[in-house]
Amino acid sequence: MKKTALLLLALGTAVGPGRAVLPQDIRHETAVINIEIPVRVFKGDVFIDNLTLDDFELYEDGKRQKVEAFYLVKKTIIERREESKEFAPRTARHFFLFFELGDYDAKIIQALDYFVKTVLLPGDNLTLVTPMKTYRMKGELFGLVGREKTYAQVIGLLRRDIQIGYSESRAILAEMTDLARVMASDIRARDTGTETSGAALVDPLTAAPVDTPYQGAFEEKLMHYSTLLERLASLRVVDQKKLLAFADRLKDIEGQKGVFFFYQREFTPKIDPRLVDMLATKYSQRPDITQSLDTIFGLEKREAPLNVDVVTKAYADASASIHFLHIARPAERIAGIRMEEQSEDIFGPFLEMARATGGYAASSANIAEAMRSAVEASENYYLLYYTPADYRADGRFHKVTVKVGNGAYRVSHRLGYIAD
């Protein structure tokens, strides 16, 4: 949202029979609010670049507004404009790459190779956010050190920070997997009457011996698994305050803002439900065991910690395009264990953020192709400007809808803005 203050100077006079003229300086400051809406128009997957100002209809809270100008932008160049009122579009590009990767995925190399060597231009600004640190790279860097060195630097930082930043999570997951496998063997042994008190455990499906350090009572193993699950859950918290603070920061940045969020599919090792049912039946009179099972399954189903409505409106107001790239990967197959996906509290909210900001979302094992699609869907756009009728700084979110032509197009834009 652009705000332009107009200072009007008026000289007031009081005139009447027998009265002196008393000059007064009366200053009125009127804020003229101009709203900027980046709009992308597609037919299929092809960007439509031959539209005119008359092709666009724009509504705020259902009320039609007059579009005063539009600019066709390709990458950073304004290729065409139509204006009834002149504006000064900012087309500088600010890229933010966020990586939530529990494991370093070699496929991410291809995505970054394409982005650094093909997408970035001199003058672009890049912010890299890893599990450990935030790195800001000025656009001049690409011209000074070259794309190859920039690419090598980005890959090196990312690989190192993922290895360090997620080391605790990986260690917990590895221990949980081993422990779940042992407990699955325990349950099968109890059910078949071959229980050996942990001295000679076997794989529940292959009957092969299991070498394990977990030799205590089953109840102790179950409690330890529950503790590990609580530790893992504490490391996977999505902080809404930080998300909103980042949206505020984006709002203050002029130009076009593209946020690419790379998120790797998460799994938690869970004892095969068939074996758990056997255990629950056998120990229905043991509240310590049933309570532990309730705790475990309660933690495995994570509640979404975000107020999606608040977060999506904050990012729409910031006029930033959120691109959510979900890295799909197959679950590991382990006897007696089911690797259960734990992505629901991330996938849903970030998918809505992408939709509310006119961004791109994909779930794919081919993350390089998903990155390419996200860039191609975002680097060309129209900038529309309008001045809302009867604008009031009421702190409310005002929904914006843009329609094009006969409606045969797919139109993508931010959901609206907050009048503050």
Protein backbone atom coordinates (compact mmCIF):
# COMPACT_ATOMS: atom_id res chain seq x y z
CA MET A 1 0.00 0.00 0.00
CA LYS A 2 1.33 3.39 -0.99
CA LYS A 3 0.42 6.51 0.96
CA THR A 4 0.87 10.03 -0.43
CA ALA A 5 0.36 13.05 1.82
CA LEU A 6 -0.98 16.23 0.18
CA LEU A 7 -0.40 19.43 2.21
CA LEU A 8 -3.06 22.04 1.45
CA LEU A 9 -2.50 25.64 2.61
CA ALA A 10 -5.63 27.75 2.93
CA LEU A 11 -5.95 31.42 4.01
CA GLY A 12 -9.14 31.97 5.89
CA THR A 13 -10.83 35.39 6.33
CA ALA A 14 -13.62 36.64 8.49
CA VAL A 15 -15.50 39.46 6.69
CA GLY A 16 -18.55 41.38 7.79
CA PRO A 17 -19.90 44.92 8.20
CA GLY A 18 -17.55 46.90 10.39
CA ARG A 19 -15.25 43.94 10.92
CA ALA A 20 -11.58 43.78 10.16
CA VAL A 21 -10.15 41.17 7.85
CA LEU A 22 -8.18 38.73 10.00
CA PRO A 23 -5.83 36.55 7.95
CA GLN A 24 -5.32 33.05 9.33
CA ASP A 25 -2.95 30.23 8.37
CA ILE A 26 -4.99 27.04 8.31
CA ARG A 27 -3.09 23.88 7.36
CA HIS A 28 -4.93 20.70 6.36
CA GLU A 29 -3.10 17.44 5.70
CA THR A 30 -4.99 14.95 3.59
CA ALA A 31 -3.68 11.44 3.05
CA VAL A 32 -4.34 10.01 -0.40
CA ILE A 33 -4.11 6.23 -0.27
CA ASN A 34 -3.00 4.39 -3.38
CA ILE A 35 -3.27 0.61 -3.35
CA GLU A 36 -0.88 -1.48 -5.46
CA ILE A 37 -2.01 -4.95 -6.53
CA PRO A 38 0.36 -7.27 -8.43
CA VAL A 39 -1.78 -9.45 -10.72
CA ARG A 40 -0.81 -12.52 -12.74
CA VAL A 41 -3.09 -13.73 -15.52
CA PHE A 42 -2.80 -17.17 -17.13
CA LYS A 43 -4.53 -19.25 -19.74
CA GLY A 44 -3.55 -22.75 -18.75
CA ASP A 45 0.06 -22.31 -17.68
CA VAL A 46 0.79 -19.49 -20.14
CA PHE A 47 1.10 -15.91 -18.87
CA ILE A 48 -1.11 -13.50 -20.86
CA ASP A 49 0.81 -10.33 -21.69
CA ASN A 50 -1.49 -8.54 -24.17
CA LEU A 51 -4.14 -7.20 -21.78
CA THR A 52 -5.12 -3.53 -21.59
CA LEU A 53 -6.37 -1.35 -18.76
CA ASP A 54 -9.96 -1.85 -19.93
CA ASP A 55 -9.64 -5.62 -19.51
CA PHE A 56 -9.39 -5.34 -15.72
CA GLU A 57 -12.20 -4.97 -13.21
CA LEU A 58 -11.26 -4.43 -9.58
CA TYR A 59 -13.53 -4.66 -6.54
CA GLU A 60 -12.88 -3.81 -2.90
CA ASP A 61 -15.25 -5.50 -0.45
CA GLY A 62 -17.56 -6.11 -3.41
CA LYS A 63 -17.62 -2.48 -4.55
CA ARG A 64 -16.11 -1.69 -7.93
CA GLN A 65 -13.11 0.66 -7.95
CA LYS A 66 -11.54 2.70 -10.75
CA VAL A 67 -8.18 1.30 -11.85
CA GLU A 68 -6.05 4.38 -12.45
CA ALA A 69 -2.99 2.74 -13.92
CA PHE A 70 -1.52 -0.56 -14.92
CA TYR A 71 2.06 -1.60 -15.71
CA LEU A 72 3.16 -4.80 -17.42
CA VAL A 73 6.37 -5.95 -15.72
CA LYS A 74 8.64 -8.72 -16.93
CA LYS A 75 11.28 -9.57 -14.37
CA THR A 76 12.35 -6.00 -13.45
CA ILE A 77 11.48 -4.17 -16.69
CA ILE A 78 8.24 -2.21 -17.22
CA GLU A 79 7.38 -3.19 -20.78
CA ARG A 80 4.05 -1.41 -21.11
CA ARG A 81 1.94 1.08 -19.17
CA GLU A 82 -1.45 2.75 -19.27
CA GLU A 83 -2.18 5.60 -16.87
CA SER A 84 -4.90 8.08 -16.11
CA LYS A 85 -2.71 9.04 -13.16
CA GLU A 86 1.04 8.60 -12.97
CA PHE A 87 2.63 6.32 -10.38
CA ALA A 88 6.19 5.26 -9.65
CA PRO A 89 6.28 1.46 -9.51
CA ARG A 90 9.14 -0.19 -7.64
CA THR A 91 10.26 -3.27 -9.55
CA ALA A 92 13.40 -4.18 -7.58
CA ARG A 93 13.29 -7.84 -6.59
CA HIS A 94 13.79 -9.23 -3.10
CA PHE A 95 14.03 -13.02 -2.79
CA PHE A 96 13.77 -14.93 0.49
CA LEU A 97 14.61 -18.65 0.54
CA PHE A 98 13.55 -20.52 3.69
CA PHE A 99 14.71 -24.10 4.23
CA GLU A 100 12.93 -26.42 6.66
CA LEU A 101 14.80 -29.60 5.80
CA GLY A 102 15.44 -32.30 8.36
CA ASP A 103 17.91 -34.00 6.01
CA TYR A 104 20.10 -32.53 3.32
CA ASP A 105 18.38 -33.52 0.08
CA ALA A 106 20.72 -33.69 -2.91
CA LYS A 107 17.81 -32.70 -5.17
CA ILE A 108 17.83 -29.24 -3.64
CA ILE A 109 21.17 -28.70 -5.43
CA GLN A 110 19.39 -28.74 -8.80
CA ALA A 111 16.80 -26.21 -7.61
CA LEU A 112 19.45 -23.83 -6.31
CA ASP A 113 21.60 -24.29 -9.39
CA TYR A 114 18.68 -23.12 -11.53
CA PHE A 115 17.80 -20.25 -9.19
CA VAL A 116 21.28 -18.79 -8.70
CA LYS A 117 22.56 -19.31 -12.24
CA THR A 118 19.40 -18.50 -14.18
CA VAL A 119 16.97 -16.44 -12.10
CA LEU A 120 19.10 -14.01 -10.10
CA LEU A 121 20.03 -10.76 -11.80
CA PRO A 122 22.47 -8.02 -10.78
CA GLY A 123 20.51 -5.74 -8.48
CA ASP A 124 18.39 -8.53 -7.00
CA ASN A 125 18.56 -9.03 -3.25
CA LEU A 126 18.70 -12.53 -1.77
CA THR A 127 18.07 -13.59 1.83
CA LEU A 128 18.87 -17.18 2.72
CA VAL A 129 17.26 -18.54 5.90
CA THR A 130 18.70 -21.85 7.14
CA PRO A 131 17.99 -23.78 10.37
CA MET A 132 20.93 -21.95 11.92
CA LYS A 133 21.14 -18.42 10.58
CA THR A 134 19.90 -15.72 8.20
CA TYR A 135 22.27 -14.64 5.41
CA ARG A 136 21.66 -11.48 3.38
CA MET A 137 23.33 -11.20 0.00
CA LYS A 138 23.23 -7.92 -1.89
CA GLY A 139 22.53 -7.92 -5.58
CA GLU A 140 25.94 -6.48 -6.38
CA LEU A 141 27.50 -9.71 -5.12
CA PHE A 142 26.35 -11.69 -8.16
CA GLY A 143 28.18 -9.35 -10.51
CA LEU A 144 31.35 -9.11 -8.40
CA VAL A 145 32.08 -12.73 -7.52
CA GLY A 146 30.15 -14.48 -10.29
CA ARG A 147 27.26 -16.92 -10.22
CA GLU A 148 29.43 -20.02 -9.77
CA LYS A 149 31.00 -18.70 -6.57
CA THR A 150 27.65 -17.45 -5.29
CA TYR A 151 26.13 -20.87 -5.96
CA ALA A 152 28.98 -22.68 -4.20
CA GLN A 153 28.63 -20.36 -1.21
CA VAL A 154 24.87 -20.91 -0.93
CA ILE A 155 25.20 -24.70 -1.19
CA GLY A 156 28.00 -24.77 1.38
CA LEU A 157 26.05 -22.70 3.90
CA LEU A 158 22.90 -24.75 3.46
CA ARG A 159 24.58 -28.15 3.76
CA ARG A 160 26.49 -27.16 6.89
CA ASP A 161 23.54 -25.49 8.63
CA ILE A 162 21.14 -28.38 7.99
CA GLN A 163 23.64 -30.88 9.34
CA ILE A 164 24.12 -28.81 12.49
CA GLY A 165 20.67 -27.30 12.94
CA TYR A 166 18.72 -30.54 12.71
CA SER A 167 21.23 -32.84 14.37
CA GLU A 168 19.13 -33.11 17.55
CA SER A 169 15.95 -33.92 15.61
CA ARG A 170 17.72 -36.57 13.55
CA ALA A 171 19.22 -38.15 16.67
CA ILE A 172 15.82 -38.27 18.39
CA LEU A 173 14.15 -39.78 15.31
CA ALA A 174 16.85 -42.43 15.02
CA GLU A 175 16.45 -43.39 18.68
CA MET A 176 12.65 -43.42 18.39
CA THR A 177 12.87 -45.67 15.33
CA ASP A 178 15.12 -48.18 17.10
CA LEU A 179 12.96 -48.10 20.21
CA ALA A 180 9.71 -48.53 18.27
CA ARG A 181 11.22 -51.52 16.48
CA VAL A 182 12.20 -53.10 19.79
CA MET A 183 8.76 -52.48 21.32
CA ALA A 184 7.10 -54.00 18.25
CA SER A 185 9.22 -57.11 18.82
CA ASP A 186 8.25 -57.08 22.50
CA ILE A 187 4.53 -56.92 21.71
CA ARG A 188 4.70 -59.77 19.21
CA ALA A 189 6.71 -61.87 21.67
CA ARG A 190 4.15 -61.28 24.42
CA ASP A 191 1.29 -62.17 22.10
CA THR A 192 2.91 -65.43 20.98
CA GLY A 193 4.08 -66.40 24.46
CA THR A 194 7.77 -66.22 23.51
CA GLU A 195 8.61 -63.24 25.73
CA THR A 196 12.22 -63.25 26.92
CA SER A 197 12.27 -60.13 29.13
CA GLY A 198 14.30 -58.25 26.55
CA ALA A 199 17.26 -60.63 26.60
CA ALA A 200 16.77 -62.05 23.09
CA LEU A 201 14.49 -59.91 20.98
CA VAL A 202 13.59 -60.79 17.41
CA ASP A 203 12.28 -58.85 14.42
CA PRO A 204 8.45 -59.08 14.51
CA LEU A 205 8.21 -60.08 10.83
CA THR A 206 11.44 -61.92 9.96
CA ALA A 207 12.12 -63.53 13.37
CA ALA A 208 15.77 -62.45 13.02
CA PRO A 209 17.58 -61.50 16.26
CA VAL A 210 17.49 -57.80 17.14
CA ASP A 211 20.65 -56.27 18.59
CA THR A 212 19.45 -53.45 20.88
CA PRO A 213 20.56 -51.47 23.94
CA TYR A 214 16.94 -51.26 25.15
CA GLN A 215 16.82 -54.15 27.62
CA GLY A 216 14.51 -52.78 30.35
CA ALA A 217 10.88 -53.58 31.09
CA PHE A 218 8.39 -52.82 28.35
CA GLU A 219 6.77 -50.11 30.48
CA GLU A 220 10.11 -48.31 30.75
CA LYS A 221 10.61 -48.43 26.98
CA LEU A 222 7.13 -47.05 26.43
CA MET A 223 7.75 -44.15 28.80
CA HIS A 224 11.10 -43.43 27.14
CA TYR A 225 9.44 -43.38 23.72
CA SER A 226 6.83 -40.93 25.06
CA THR A 227 9.62 -38.66 26.40
CA LEU A 228 11.40 -38.71 23.05
CA LEU A 229 8.16 -37.83 21.27
CA GLU A 230 7.64 -34.84 23.57
CA ARG A 231 11.19 -33.64 22.88
CA LEU A 232 10.64 -33.97 19.13
CA ALA A 233 7.34 -32.07 19.32
CA SER A 234 9.06 -29.21 21.16
CA LEU A 235 11.53 -28.88 18.28
CA ARG A 236 8.78 -28.71 15.67
CA VAL A 237 6.90 -25.68 16.93
CA VAL A 238 5.78 -23.11 14.37
CA ASP A 239 6.10 -19.66 15.97
CA GLN A 240 3.22 -17.42 14.90
CA LYS A 241 4.78 -14.32 16.47
CA LYS A 242 7.89 -14.73 14.33
CA LEU A 243 5.80 -15.26 11.21
CA LEU A 244 3.86 -12.08 11.87
CA ALA A 245 7.03 -10.13 12.66
CA PHE A 246 8.48 -11.24 9.31
CA ALA A 247 5.29 -10.08 7.54
CA ASP A 248 5.70 -6.66 9.18
CA ARG A 249 9.28 -6.50 7.96
CA LEU A 250 8.24 -7.41 4.42
CA LYS A 251 5.61 -4.68 4.41
CA ASP A 252 8.33 -2.05 4.86
CA ILE A 253 10.34 -3.28 1.85
CA GLU A 254 9.65 -1.53 -1.43
CA GLY A 255 9.54 -3.54 -4.62
CA GLN A 256 8.53 -7.08 -5.39
CA LYS A 257 8.97 -9.69 -2.66
CA GLY A 258 9.11 -13.41 -3.40
CA VAL A 259 9.28 -15.82 -0.45
CA PHE A 260 10.13 -19.45 -1.30
CA PHE A 261 9.49 -21.84 1.55
CA PHE A 262 11.10 -25.28 1.09
CA TYR A 263 9.57 -27.81 3.44
CA GLN A 264 10.56 -31.46 3.60
CA ARG A 265 7.92 -34.09 4.32
CA GLU A 266 8.21 -35.23 7.96
CA PHE A 267 7.64 -38.68 9.41
CA THR A 268 7.41 -40.05 12.94
CA PRO A 269 8.03 -43.76 13.69
CA LYS A 270 4.86 -45.34 15.04
CA ILE A 271 4.38 -48.92 16.22
CA ASP A 272 2.22 -50.84 13.77
CA PRO A 273 -1.41 -50.16 14.87
CA ARG A 274 -2.19 -53.88 14.78
CA LEU A 275 0.47 -54.52 17.39
CA VAL A 276 -0.74 -51.59 19.50
CA ASP A 277 -4.28 -52.98 19.47
CA MET A 278 -2.91 -56.29 20.70
CA LEU A 279 -1.09 -54.48 23.51
CA ALA A 280 -4.09 -52.36 24.53
CA THR A 281 -6.29 -55.45 24.73
CA LYS A 282 -3.77 -57.43 26.72
CA TYR A 283 -3.14 -54.58 29.21
CA SER A 284 -6.57 -52.97 29.40
CA GLN A 285 -6.34 -53.21 33.19
CA ARG A 286 -2.95 -51.48 33.34
CA PRO A 287 -3.61 -47.70 33.54
CA ASP A 288 0.12 -46.89 33.38
CA ILE A 289 0.43 -48.52 29.96
CA THR A 290 -2.90 -47.27 28.57
CA GLN A 291 -2.12 -43.74 29.76
CA SER A 292 1.27 -43.85 28.04
CA LEU A 293 -0.40 -45.00 24.83
CA ASP A 294 -2.92 -42.14 25.06
CA THR A 295 -0.07 -39.66 25.55
CA ILE A 296 1.87 -41.02 22.60
CA PHE A 297 -1.01 -40.96 20.16
CA GLY A 298 -2.10 -37.54 21.41
CA LEU A 299 1.35 -36.12 20.65
CA GLU A 300 1.60 -37.81 17.27
CA LYS A 301 -1.43 -35.83 16.10
CA ARG A 302 -0.16 -32.26 16.20
CA GLU A 303 -2.60 -29.41 16.39
CA ALA A 304 -2.10 -26.56 13.93
CA PRO A 305 -0.58 -23.78 16.11
CA LEU A 306 -1.35 -20.96 13.69
CA ASN A 307 -4.33 -18.69 13.36
CA VAL A 308 -4.45 -19.13 9.59
CA ASP A 309 -6.80 -16.19 9.02
CA VAL A 310 -4.53 -13.75 10.87
CA VAL A 311 -1.33 -14.98 9.23
CA THR A 312 -2.68 -15.06 5.66
CA LYS A 313 -4.09 -11.54 5.96
CA ALA A 314 -0.78 -10.25 7.34
CA TYR A 315 1.14 -11.61 4.34
CA ALA A 316 -1.47 -10.40 1.85
CA ASP A 317 -1.18 -6.95 3.43
CA ALA A 318 2.62 -7.11 3.04
CA SER A 319 2.16 -7.63 -0.72
CA ALA A 320 4.62 -10.53 -0.71
CA SER A 321 4.17 -13.65 -2.84
CA ILE A 322 4.53 -16.83 -0.78
CA HIS A 323 5.63 -19.89 -2.76
CA PHE A 324 5.26 -23.14 -0.81
CA LEU A 325 7.39 -25.99 -2.16
CA HIS A 326 6.67 -29.22 -0.31
CA ILE A 327 9.40 -31.79 -0.91
CA ALA A 328 7.70 -35.18 -1.14
CA ARG A 329 9.70 -38.26 -0.27
CA PRO A 330 8.68 -41.89 0.37
CA ALA A 331 8.38 -43.20 3.90
CA GLU A 332 11.06 -45.61 5.09
CA ARG A 333 9.82 -49.20 5.39
CA ILE A 334 10.71 -50.89 8.69
CA ALA A 335 9.25 -54.14 10.00
CA GLY A 336 6.71 -53.61 12.80
CA ILE A 337 6.73 -49.82 12.33
CA ARG A 338 4.62 -47.44 10.30
CA MET A 339 6.28 -44.13 9.42
CA GLU A 340 3.42 -41.67 9.87
CA GLU A 341 3.52 -38.31 8.11
CA GLN A 342 3.61 -35.30 10.45
CA SER A 343 3.15 -32.39 8.03
CA GLU A 344 -0.49 -31.42 8.50
CA ASP A 345 0.19 -28.44 10.76
CA ILE A 346 2.57 -26.94 8.19
CA PHE A 347 1.08 -27.95 4.86
CA GLY A 348 -2.42 -26.51 5.37
CA PRO A 349 -1.47 -23.05 6.71
CA PHE A 350 1.30 -22.46 4.16
CA LEU A 351 -0.92 -23.60 1.31
CA GLU A 352 -3.44 -20.95 2.39
CA MET A 353 -0.66 -18.35 2.63
CA ALA A 354 0.32 -19.09 -0.97
CA ARG A 355 -3.26 -18.72 -2.13
CA ALA A 356 -3.82 -15.48 -0.19
CA THR A 357 -0.73 -13.82 -1.63
CA GLY A 358 -1.04 -14.86 -5.28
CA GLY A 359 1.83 -17.30 -4.85
CA TYR A 360 2.54 -20.83 -6.03
CA ALA A 361 2.26 -24.13 -4.17
CA ALA A 362 3.39 -27.61 -5.14
CA SER A 363 4.13 -30.97 -3.56
CA SER A 364 6.71 -32.86 -5.59
CA ALA A 365 9.74 -35.09 -5.35
CA ASN A 366 11.17 -33.09 -8.29
CA ILE A 367 11.86 -29.93 -6.32
CA ALA A 368 13.94 -28.37 -9.11
CA GLU A 369 10.97 -28.51 -11.48
CA ALA A 370 8.67 -27.14 -8.76
CA MET A 371 11.11 -24.25 -8.24
CA ARG A 372 11.17 -23.55 -11.96
CA SER A 373 7.36 -23.54 -12.11
CA ALA A 374 7.14 -21.16 -9.14
CA VAL A 375 9.56 -18.71 -10.73
CA GLU A 376 7.86 -18.84 -14.14
CA ALA A 377 4.50 -18.24 -12.49
CA SER A 378 5.73 -15.17 -10.61
CA GLU A 379 8.35 -13.26 -12.60
CA ASN A 380 5.85 -11.65 -15.04
CA TYR A 381 2.93 -9.63 -13.69
CA TYR A 382 0.72 -6.56 -14.00
CA LEU A 383 0.80 -3.84 -11.36
CA LEU A 384 -2.62 -2.26 -10.85
CA TYR A 385 -3.12 0.97 -8.90
CA TYR A 386 -6.32 2.42 -7.50
CA THR A 387 -7.46 4.88 -4.85
CA PRO A 388 -10.17 3.35 -2.65
CA ALA A 389 -13.42 5.27 -2.56
CA ASP A 390 -14.32 6.45 0.97
CA TYR A 391 -11.06 5.17 2.44
CA ARG A 392 -10.87 5.12 6.24
CA ALA A 393 -7.98 3.90 8.37
CA ASP A 394 -10.22 1.54 10.32
CA GLY A 395 -7.68 -1.22 10.92
CA ARG A 396 -9.88 -3.68 9.04
CA PHE A 397 -8.87 -6.08 6.30
CA HIS A 398 -10.39 -5.13 2.97
CA LYS A 399 -10.81 -7.88 0.42
CA VAL A 400 -9.73 -7.19 -3.16
CA THR A 401 -11.03 -9.10 -6.19
CA VAL A 402 -9.67 -8.68 -9.71
CA LYS A 403 -11.55 -9.97 -12.75
CA VAL A 404 -10.24 -10.10 -16.30
CA GLY A 405 -12.11 -10.10 -19.59
CA ASN A 406 -14.62 -12.86 -20.10
CA GLY A 407 -13.51 -14.88 -17.10
CA ALA A 408 -11.73 -17.58 -19.12
CA TYR A 409 -8.42 -16.78 -17.44
CA ARG A 410 -6.83 -17.88 -14.19
CA VAL A 411 -6.15 -14.74 -12.16
CA SER A 412 -3.76 -14.69 -9.21
CA HIS A 413 -3.28 -11.76 -6.81
CA ARG A 414 -3.08 -10.89 -3.13
CA LEU A 415 -6.27 -11.22 -1.13
CA GLY A 416 -6.42 -7.61 0.09
CA TYR A 417 -4.90 -5.12 2.52
CA ILE A 418 -5.29 -3.77 6.06
CA ALA A 419 -6.38 -0.12 6.21
CA ASP A 420 -4.00 1.27 8.81
